[in-house]
Protein backbone atom coordinates (compact mmCIF):
# COMPACT_ATOMS: atom_id res chain seq x y z
CA UNK A 1 126.25 91.32 125.05
CA UNK A 2 127.79 95.09 123.75
CA UNK A 3 125.35 97.57 121.80
CA UNK A 4 126.91 99.70 119.13
CA UNK A 5 124.50 102.68 117.89
CA UNK A 6 124.88 103.81 114.77
CA UNK A 7 125.65 106.93 113.42
CA UNK A 8 123.68 108.39 110.62
CA UNK A 9 125.59 110.39 108.27
CA UNK A 10 126.31 113.17 107.96
CA UNK A 11 124.39 116.19 106.39
CA UNK A 12 126.75 117.87 103.88
CA UNK A 13 126.08 121.00 102.44
CA UNK A 14 122.74 120.76 103.24
CA UNK A 15 121.99 117.40 101.72
CA UNK A 16 121.03 114.68 103.25
CA UNK A 17 122.24 111.02 101.41
CA UNK A 18 123.16 112.87 98.07
CA UNK A 19 125.57 110.50 96.57
CA UNK A 20 123.68 107.32 97.26
CA UNK A 21 119.68 108.93 96.72
CA UNK A 22 116.71 107.04 96.84
CA UNK A 23 115.31 104.99 93.24
CA UNK A 24 112.91 107.04 91.98
CA UNK A 25 114.40 110.66 92.29
CA UNK A 26 115.14 111.97 88.90
CA UNK A 27 112.20 109.82 87.72
CA UNK A 28 108.79 112.25 86.11
CA UNK A 29 105.70 111.48 85.10
CA UNK A 30 103.96 112.95 82.16
CA UNK A 31 100.05 112.72 80.86
CA UNK A 32 100.49 112.25 77.23
CA UNK A 33 96.75 112.28 75.42
CA UNK A 34 97.24 110.43 72.02
CA UNK A 35 94.39 110.51 69.42
CA UNK A 36 93.52 107.53 67.08
CA UNK A 37 90.25 106.66 66.13
CA UNK A 38 89.58 107.53 70.45
CA UNK A 39 91.43 109.13 72.40
CA UNK A 40 93.86 107.05 74.50
CA UNK A 41 95.50 108.93 77.99
CA UNK A 42 98.75 107.36 79.13
CA UNK A 43 100.64 108.51 82.43
CA UNK A 44 103.88 107.73 81.76
CA UNK A 45 106.77 107.64 84.79
CA UNK A 46 110.19 107.64 83.41
CA UNK A 47 113.38 110.11 83.55
CA UNK A 48 113.35 111.73 80.30
CA UNK A 49 110.87 113.14 77.95
CA UNK A 50 112.57 110.59 74.70
CA UNK A 51 112.10 107.44 77.80
CA UNK A 52 108.75 108.42 77.88
CA UNK A 53 108.37 108.32 74.22
CA UNK A 54 109.86 105.03 73.96
CA UNK A 55 108.33 103.39 76.16
CA UNK A 56 104.53 104.61 74.27
CA UNK A 57 105.68 103.35 70.71
CA UNK A 58 106.52 99.82 72.72
CA UNK A 59 103.54 99.57 74.55
CA UNK A 60 100.46 102.30 73.83
CA UNK A 61 96.87 99.95 72.86
CA UNK A 62 95.44 101.25 70.00
CA UNK A 63 92.27 98.88 71.14
CA UNK A 64 89.97 100.64 73.82
CA UNK A 65 90.56 98.33 76.58
CA UNK A 66 93.70 99.62 79.41
CA UNK A 67 96.63 99.18 79.80
CA UNK A 68 99.27 98.68 82.68
CA UNK A 69 102.97 97.83 82.09
CA UNK A 70 106.42 98.62 83.15
CA UNK A 71 109.45 99.66 80.71
CA UNK A 72 113.40 98.95 81.39
CA UNK A 73 112.55 98.56 85.59
CA UNK A 74 109.66 97.92 87.52
CA UNK A 75 110.22 102.46 87.86
CA UNK A 76 109.60 102.77 84.64
CA UNK A 77 105.31 102.36 83.81
CA UNK A 78 102.70 102.94 81.44
CA UNK A 79 98.41 102.53 82.15
CA UNK A 80 96.13 103.91 79.36
CA UNK A 81 92.40 103.97 79.07
CA UNK A 82 89.39 104.90 76.66
CA UNK A 83 89.21 108.27 77.47
CA UNK A 84 86.83 109.26 74.48
CA UNK A 85 85.65 108.04 70.65
CA UNK A 86 86.90 110.28 68.44
CA UNK A 87 87.40 110.92 64.37
CA UNK A 88 90.09 113.13 62.73
CA UNK A 89 94.41 114.06 63.53
CA UNK A 90 94.11 115.85 66.78
CA UNK A 91 97.41 116.05 67.26
CA UNK A 92 100.16 114.28 70.33
CA UNK A 93 99.95 116.41 72.89
CA UNK A 94 102.32 116.14 76.28
CA UNK A 95 101.89 117.34 79.50
CA UNK A 96 104.29 116.92 82.52
CA UNK A 97 101.69 116.56 85.64
CA UNK A 98 104.58 115.14 88.48
CA UNK A 99 108.25 115.01 89.24
CA UNK A 100 109.67 112.85 92.02
CA UNK A 101 112.67 115.32 94.04
CA UNK A 102 114.34 114.54 96.98
CA UNK A 103 112.30 115.86 99.95
CA UNK A 104 112.72 119.57 102.45
CA UNK A 105 113.75 117.60 105.54
CA UNK A 106 115.24 119.58 109.25
CA UNK A 107 117.76 117.97 111.12
CA UNK A 108 115.64 117.75 115.03
CA UNK A 109 119.30 118.32 116.18
CA UNK A 110 120.11 120.98 114.80
CA UNK A 111 116.73 122.64 113.22
CA UNK A 112 118.77 123.48 109.64
CA UNK A 113 116.89 122.40 106.69
CA UNK A 114 118.17 120.03 104.54
CA UNK A 115 117.27 118.09 101.16
CA UNK A 116 116.90 114.20 102.22
CA UNK A 117 116.98 112.51 99.29
CA UNK A 118 116.38 109.26 100.38
CA UNK A 119 112.83 110.20 101.81
CA UNK A 120 111.50 111.31 97.90
CA UNK A 121 107.49 113.04 97.60
CA UNK A 122 106.12 113.10 94.51
CA UNK A 123 105.70 117.33 93.37
CA UNK A 124 103.01 118.09 91.16
CA UNK A 125 104.06 122.18 91.49
CA UNK A 126 105.75 123.11 88.54
CA UNK A 127 107.99 125.34 90.61
CA UNK A 128 109.72 122.82 92.51
CA UNK A 129 110.34 120.97 89.91
CA UNK A 130 114.64 120.16 89.05
CA UNK A 131 114.38 117.89 85.16
CA UNK A 132 113.93 120.07 81.95
CA UNK A 133 111.96 117.21 80.01
CA UNK A 134 115.18 116.24 78.43
CA UNK A 135 116.86 114.88 82.21
CA UNK A 136 118.93 117.78 82.24
CA UNK A 137 118.26 119.85 85.06
CA UNK A 138 116.74 122.94 85.49
CA UNK A 139 119.17 125.81 86.00
CA UNK A 140 117.04 128.32 88.57
CA UNK A 141 118.34 131.36 88.51
CA UNK A 142 118.34 133.95 91.88
CA UNK A 143 114.92 136.33 90.95
CA UNK A 144 113.55 132.61 90.87
CA UNK A 145 112.82 132.30 87.41
CA UNK A 146 113.75 128.99 85.44
CA UNK A 147 115.84 128.45 82.18
CA UNK A 148 112.06 125.95 80.95
């Protein structure tokens, strides 16, 4: 019996598996508070704010119930719960709370850092996010500021 060793894909331009990233990379999470006669809070995961709005329109719950459903794929999710009874015409508020980003990793052979697109992390830190609300890439400048 002959044993063959499988070589891992190379790290190219400081990235690993950028051409075949993990399926969750690029999704964003939104905390949405939409007020009816009751105050509902949703946590929505979608690629763009527009897709999150569509999912909210399709699946939102105005009853005092818990919502736990999916969009077009199992990664697009919506969860909602009754928070507080209120009266009035308060506006819907949107706040991006997380984004799935490639994990920073280190090559054990060369001790060089790279972005691992196969093993992502959900980040709550906005300085780590790489996507705007519409799904386009955030342009980061040399001094660290962004276009958001």
